[in-house]
Amino acid sequence: MKHYLLSLSFSLILSVAGLPAAALAVDLPATAAVPGGVVVVDLATTARPERVTFNDKPVMVLPNKDSWSAVVGLDLEVKPGQHQLQVHSGQGEPRTQTFTIGDKAYETQRLTITNKRMVDPEKRDMDRITREQRRISAALENWSDATPATLRFLLPVEGPMSSPFGLRRFFNDQPRRPHSGLDLAAAEGTPIRNPAAGVVTDTGDFFFNGNTVFVDHGQGLVTMYCHLSRIDVEAGQAVDAGEVIGAVGKTGRVTGAHLHWGVSLNDARVDPMLFLGELPPVPQP
């Protein structure tokens, strides 16, 4: 199987008196200024902004040499063209910082789901789905001020990529929302390892996602792990990089055992592969 390498962008270093600069370096993900990608925008200021927002949501701000940069997640539904960040200094009106988003065409995937309720939920399912969607949204838009330890992730499961991010999906020939994560094929019971230090913010058994874990890594960076056979962590628990958080399963809406791994940045679902130094193997026909 062939492996691909992503070129990883620069390290950010903050110089603080009395602290070694190397200890404060944060490695950025690869950048892709397209829907579902990540863009790094130089804010052209030596003073850290009070906050930066994109589409009214706070975004990550990190030091970059003598300036500061915003690390912005781009939702799959964002329109190509010019967009603006709002840079709030704490004094007066915010200034705008313009950047450009290109276009990207994602492939189509058609899946057959034997459990018809997972495609056309019954009335008895809808109350549960609505409650769970509010809970999932709250977990994915969670914000903490802590600076992430790294933006370069470990692969949570060793296995081939069975479904890439961004696929335009049809379930039983019915169009559904694009695939907002990365599917990694692995046997049921395979341990899932946390890719970077963080805090578990929620866990649960959801109608579509099955057994699920959410981990907050700081400044709007949240990862999600779905369809687990078991959950080994609980809400409020700090987890280190490489720590086992659960096991691969086939709970929820699935066609077989696998891990659905999602990455959310400023409440935008982005391609997890941008956070990997080495991509998972691509299955050969």
Protein backbone atom coordinates (compact mmCIF):
# COMPACT_ATOMS: atom_id res chain seq x y z
CA MET A 1 0.00 0.00 0.00
CA LYS A 2 1.22 3.43 -0.92
CA HIS A 3 1.77 6.17 1.65
CA TYR A 4 1.60 9.86 1.01
CA LEU A 5 3.36 12.57 2.97
CA LEU A 6 1.87 15.95 3.73
CA SER A 7 4.16 18.93 3.88
CA LEU A 8 3.71 20.38 7.33
CA SER A 9 3.87 24.11 7.79
CA PHE A 10 6.11 26.10 10.07
CA SER A 11 6.46 25.81 13.86
CA LEU A 12 5.22 28.69 15.96
CA ILE A 13 7.54 29.85 18.72
CA LEU A 14 6.71 32.24 21.52
CA SER A 15 9.61 33.84 23.35
CA VAL A 16 8.88 34.34 27.03
CA ALA A 17 11.50 35.54 29.52
CA GLY A 18 12.76 32.66 31.62
CA LEU A 19 11.18 29.93 29.48
CA PRO A 20 12.88 27.98 26.68
CA ALA A 21 11.29 28.92 23.36
CA ALA A 22 11.39 25.33 22.09
CA ALA A 23 9.09 24.23 24.91
CA LEU A 24 6.39 26.56 23.57
CA ALA A 25 6.58 25.57 19.90
CA VAL A 26 3.28 24.46 18.31
CA ASP A 27 3.42 22.49 15.05
CA LEU A 28 0.70 23.52 12.61
CA PRO A 29 -1.32 21.24 10.35
CA ALA A 30 -0.92 21.29 6.59
CA THR A 31 -2.93 24.12 5.09
CA ALA A 32 -5.59 23.93 2.38
CA ALA A 33 -7.62 27.07 1.69
CA VAL A 34 -10.64 25.14 0.39
CA PRO A 35 -13.98 24.01 1.87
CA GLY A 36 -13.15 21.42 4.54
CA GLY A 37 -9.59 22.74 4.85
CA VAL A 38 -7.53 24.85 7.22
CA VAL A 39 -5.99 28.24 6.51
CA VAL A 40 -3.38 30.18 8.51
CA VAL A 41 -3.87 33.95 8.28
CA ASP A 42 -1.12 36.35 9.37
CA LEU A 43 -2.77 39.01 11.53
CA ALA A 44 0.10 41.46 10.99
CA THR A 45 0.31 42.53 14.62
CA THR A 46 2.91 42.18 17.36
CA ALA A 47 0.24 42.47 20.08
CA ARG A 48 -1.98 39.47 20.67
CA PRO A 49 -5.56 40.34 19.67
CA GLU A 50 -8.19 40.06 22.38
CA ARG A 51 -10.04 37.67 20.08
CA VAL A 52 -10.51 36.85 16.40
CA THR A 53 -13.78 35.65 14.87
CA PHE A 54 -14.86 34.11 11.57
CA ASN A 55 -18.57 33.98 10.78
CA ASP A 56 -19.21 35.11 14.37
CA LYS A 57 -17.29 32.16 15.87
CA PRO A 58 -13.99 32.52 17.79
CA VAL A 59 -10.92 31.13 16.05
CA MET A 60 -7.53 29.91 17.27
CA VAL A 61 -4.77 32.52 17.58
CA LEU A 62 -1.11 31.47 17.90
CA PRO A 63 2.22 33.32 17.89
CA ASN A 64 4.18 33.35 14.64
CA LYS A 65 7.72 34.70 15.04
CA ASP A 66 7.21 38.46 15.56
CA SER A 67 3.48 38.42 14.76
CA TRP A 68 0.31 36.46 15.48
CA SER A 69 -1.64 34.16 13.19
CA ALA A 70 -5.20 32.86 13.12
CA VAL A 71 -5.63 29.14 12.42
CA VAL A 72 -9.06 28.88 10.79
CA GLY A 73 -11.19 25.84 10.00
CA LEU A 74 -13.26 26.11 6.80
CA ASP A 75 -16.63 24.37 6.75
CA LEU A 76 -17.51 22.09 3.84
CA GLU A 77 -20.37 24.45 2.94
CA VAL A 78 -18.27 27.62 2.85
CA LYS A 79 -18.38 29.43 -0.51
CA PRO A 80 -15.18 29.99 -2.50
CA GLY A 81 -14.02 33.59 -2.78
CA GLN A 82 -12.87 36.35 -0.46
CA HIS A 83 -13.70 36.12 3.24
CA GLN A 84 -12.90 38.22 6.27
CA LEU A 85 -11.78 37.67 9.82
CA GLN A 86 -12.83 40.13 12.51
CA VAL A 87 -9.79 41.08 14.63
CA HIS A 88 -10.83 42.48 18.01
CA SER A 89 -8.11 44.45 19.82
CA GLY A 90 -10.28 45.43 22.78
CA GLN A 91 -10.26 49.07 21.70
CA GLY A 92 -12.78 50.46 19.26
CA GLU A 93 -14.35 48.59 16.37
CA PRO A 94 -12.71 45.35 15.13
CA ARG A 95 -10.63 45.53 11.99
CA THR A 96 -10.99 43.05 9.14
CA GLN A 97 -8.37 40.72 7.70
CA THR A 98 -9.16 39.35 4.24
CA PHE A 99 -8.22 35.91 2.88
CA THR A 100 -9.27 33.84 -0.10
CA ILE A 101 -10.86 30.39 -0.24
CA GLY A 102 -10.53 28.27 -3.38
CA ASP A 103 -12.87 25.57 -4.66
CA LYS A 104 -12.61 21.79 -4.31
CA ALA A 105 -14.71 19.01 -5.81
CA TYR A 106 -15.20 15.95 -3.60
CA GLU A 107 -16.11 12.52 -4.91
CA THR A 108 -19.46 10.77 -4.49
CA GLN A 109 -20.09 7.63 -2.44
CA ARG A 110 -23.21 5.42 -2.49
CA LEU A 111 -23.88 3.13 0.47
CA THR A 112 -26.57 0.55 1.13
CA ILE A 113 -27.87 0.59 4.71
CA THR A 114 -29.89 -2.53 5.61
CA ASN A 115 -31.44 -0.94 8.73
CA LYS A 116 -34.05 1.29 7.09
CA ARG A 117 -34.56 3.32 10.29
CA MET A 118 -31.00 4.60 9.93
CA VAL A 119 -31.96 6.16 6.58
CA ASP A 120 -35.59 7.10 7.24
CA PRO A 121 -35.98 7.39 11.03
CA GLU A 122 -39.41 6.71 12.46
CA LYS A 123 -41.35 9.29 14.48
CA ARG A 124 -40.29 7.57 17.71
CA ASP A 125 -36.63 8.17 16.72
CA MET A 126 -36.90 11.88 15.92
CA ASP A 127 -37.15 13.20 19.49
CA ARG A 128 -34.01 11.29 20.40
CA ILE A 129 -32.17 12.47 17.28
CA THR A 130 -33.12 16.11 17.95
CA ARG A 131 -31.91 15.93 21.58
CA GLU A 132 -28.68 14.26 20.54
CA GLN A 133 -27.99 16.78 17.79
CA ARG A 134 -28.08 19.62 20.33
CA ARG A 135 -25.65 17.69 22.52
CA ILE A 136 -23.31 16.90 19.60
CA SER A 137 -23.37 20.52 18.43
CA ALA A 138 -22.49 21.74 21.93
CA ALA A 139 -19.52 19.36 22.10
CA LEU A 140 -18.18 20.33 18.68
CA GLU A 141 -18.45 24.08 19.23
CA ASN A 142 -16.88 23.91 22.70
CA TRP A 143 -14.23 26.56 23.36
CA SER A 144 -11.45 26.56 25.95
CA ASP A 145 -8.66 29.11 26.17
CA ALA A 146 -5.88 26.54 26.56
CA THR A 147 -3.31 26.48 23.76
CA PRO A 148 -3.15 23.04 22.09
CA ALA A 149 -0.03 21.02 22.88
CA THR A 150 0.33 20.30 19.16
CA LEU A 151 -1.65 20.48 15.93
CA ARG A 152 0.18 17.44 14.54
CA PHE A 153 -1.77 14.34 15.48
CA LEU A 154 -1.05 10.68 15.97
CA LEU A 155 -3.20 8.30 13.93
CA PRO A 156 -5.87 7.02 16.37
CA VAL A 157 -6.13 3.59 14.70
CA GLU A 158 -3.65 1.75 12.49
CA GLY A 159 -5.65 0.69 9.45
CA PRO A 160 -6.53 1.59 5.87
CA MET A 161 -8.64 4.62 5.06
CA SER A 162 -12.01 3.17 4.02
CA SER A 163 -13.85 6.46 3.37
CA PRO A 164 -12.06 9.81 2.97
CA PHE A 165 -13.29 13.14 4.22
CA GLY A 166 -15.74 15.21 2.16
CA LEU A 167 -17.50 12.49 0.17
CA ARG A 168 -20.90 13.52 -1.19
CA ARG A 169 -22.96 10.66 0.20
CA PHE A 170 -26.07 8.79 -0.87
CA PHE A 171 -27.66 6.27 1.53
CA ASN A 172 -29.94 3.86 -0.32
CA ASP A 173 -29.86 6.36 -3.24
CA GLN A 174 -31.00 9.22 -1.00
CA PRO A 175 -28.70 12.27 -0.75
CA ARG A 176 -27.31 13.02 2.71
CA ARG A 177 -24.85 15.51 4.18
CA PRO A 178 -21.20 15.19 3.07
CA HIS A 179 -18.92 12.87 5.01
CA SER A 180 -17.49 15.13 7.70
CA GLY A 181 -14.78 12.80 9.01
CA LEU A 182 -12.28 10.13 8.06
CA ASP A 183 -13.19 6.42 8.26
CA LEU A 184 -10.42 4.02 9.26
CA ALA A 185 -11.05 0.30 8.78
CA ALA A 186 -10.05 -1.90 11.70
CA ALA A 187 -11.31 -5.03 13.42
CA GLU A 188 -13.91 -4.70 16.16
CA GLY A 189 -12.17 -4.27 19.51
CA THR A 190 -9.06 -2.56 18.10
CA PRO A 191 -7.85 0.06 20.64
CA ILE A 192 -8.39 3.72 19.72
CA ARG A 193 -5.60 6.03 20.87
CA ASN A 194 -6.07 9.70 21.59
CA PRO A 195 -4.03 11.62 18.94
CA ALA A 196 -3.04 14.59 21.14
CA ALA A 197 -3.40 15.76 24.73
CA GLY A 198 -6.83 17.06 25.67
CA VAL A 199 -9.87 16.76 27.92
CA VAL A 200 -12.88 14.52 27.32
CA THR A 201 -15.94 16.79 27.22
CA ASP A 202 -18.69 14.24 26.53
CA THR A 203 -19.35 10.59 25.78
CA GLY A 204 -22.50 8.67 24.94
CA ASP A 205 -24.49 6.30 22.76
CA PHE A 206 -26.06 8.24 19.87
CA PHE A 207 -28.63 7.13 17.28
CA PHE A 208 -26.50 7.67 14.18
CA ASN A 209 -22.98 7.88 15.69
CA GLY A 210 -23.26 4.97 18.11
CA ASN A 211 -20.85 5.03 21.06
CA THR A 212 -18.98 8.32 20.78
CA VAL A 213 -16.21 10.25 22.53
CA PHE A 214 -15.44 13.99 22.22
CA VAL A 215 -12.01 15.40 23.16
CA ASP A 216 -11.29 19.14 23.49
CA HIS A 217 -7.68 20.04 22.60
CA GLY A 218 -7.98 23.79 23.15
CA GLN A 219 -8.98 26.98 21.30
CA GLY A 220 -11.84 25.44 19.35
CA LEU A 221 -10.04 22.24 18.28
CA VAL A 222 -12.25 19.23 19.07
CA THR A 223 -11.96 15.62 17.90
CA MET A 224 -14.78 13.07 17.72
CA TYR A 225 -14.66 9.24 17.66
CA CYS A 226 -17.79 7.33 16.58
CA HIS A 227 -19.20 3.77 16.33
CA LEU A 228 -17.11 2.46 19.25
CA SER A 229 -17.67 -0.99 20.72
CA ARG A 230 -16.72 0.37 24.14
CA ILE A 231 -15.79 3.68 25.79
CA ASP A 232 -12.83 3.73 28.21
CA VAL A 233 -12.98 7.38 29.34
CA GLU A 234 -15.48 9.73 30.95
CA ALA A 235 -16.40 13.40 30.69
CA GLY A 236 -13.95 15.69 32.49
CA GLN A 237 -11.04 13.26 32.19
CA ALA A 238 -7.68 14.58 30.96
CA VAL A 239 -6.17 12.28 28.32
CA ASP A 240 -2.59 12.18 27.06
CA ALA A 241 -1.45 11.61 23.48
CA GLY A 242 -1.51 7.87 22.78
CA GLU A 243 -3.86 7.03 25.67
CA VAL A 244 -6.57 4.47 24.83
CA ILE A 245 -10.02 6.08 24.86
CA GLY A 246 -12.09 3.16 23.54
CA ALA A 247 -12.26 0.44 20.92
CA VAL A 248 -13.39 0.16 17.30
CA GLY A 249 -16.95 -1.09 16.86
CA LYS A 250 -20.00 -1.02 14.60
CA THR A 251 -22.58 0.82 16.70
CA GLY A 252 -24.95 3.38 15.15
CA ARG A 253 -25.32 3.78 11.37
CA VAL A 254 -22.60 1.61 9.84
CA THR A 255 -22.00 -1.00 7.17
CA GLY A 256 -19.26 -2.68 9.22
CA ALA A 257 -16.70 -2.16 11.96
CA HIS A 258 -14.61 1.00 11.60
CA LEU A 259 -13.65 4.25 13.33
CA HIS A 260 -15.22 7.48 12.16
CA TRP A 261 -12.74 10.16 13.22
CA GLY A 262 -13.85 13.77 13.03
CA VAL A 263 -11.92 17.00 13.58
CA SER A 264 -13.71 20.28 14.30
CA LEU A 265 -11.93 23.64 14.29
CA ASN A 266 -13.94 26.76 15.23
CA ASP A 267 -17.05 24.58 14.79
CA ALA A 268 -16.12 23.72 11.19
CA ARG A 269 -15.63 20.07 10.25
CA VAL A 270 -12.23 19.83 8.57
CA ASP A 271 -10.14 17.09 6.97
CA PRO A 272 -8.33 15.08 9.69
CA MET A 273 -5.57 14.19 7.23
CA LEU A 274 -4.32 17.77 7.39
CA PHE A 275 -3.28 17.06 10.98
CA LEU A 276 -1.25 13.94 10.16
CA GLY A 277 2.43 13.86 9.24
CA GLU A 278 1.89 10.65 7.30
CA LEU A 279 -1.42 9.69 5.73
CA PRO A 280 -3.05 6.32 6.36
CA PRO A 281 -2.61 3.72 3.60
CA VAL A 282 -4.98 3.93 0.66
CA PRO A 283 -6.73 0.62 -0.15
CA GLN A 284 -5.79 -0.78 -3.56
CA PRO A 285 -8.46 -2.15 -5.94
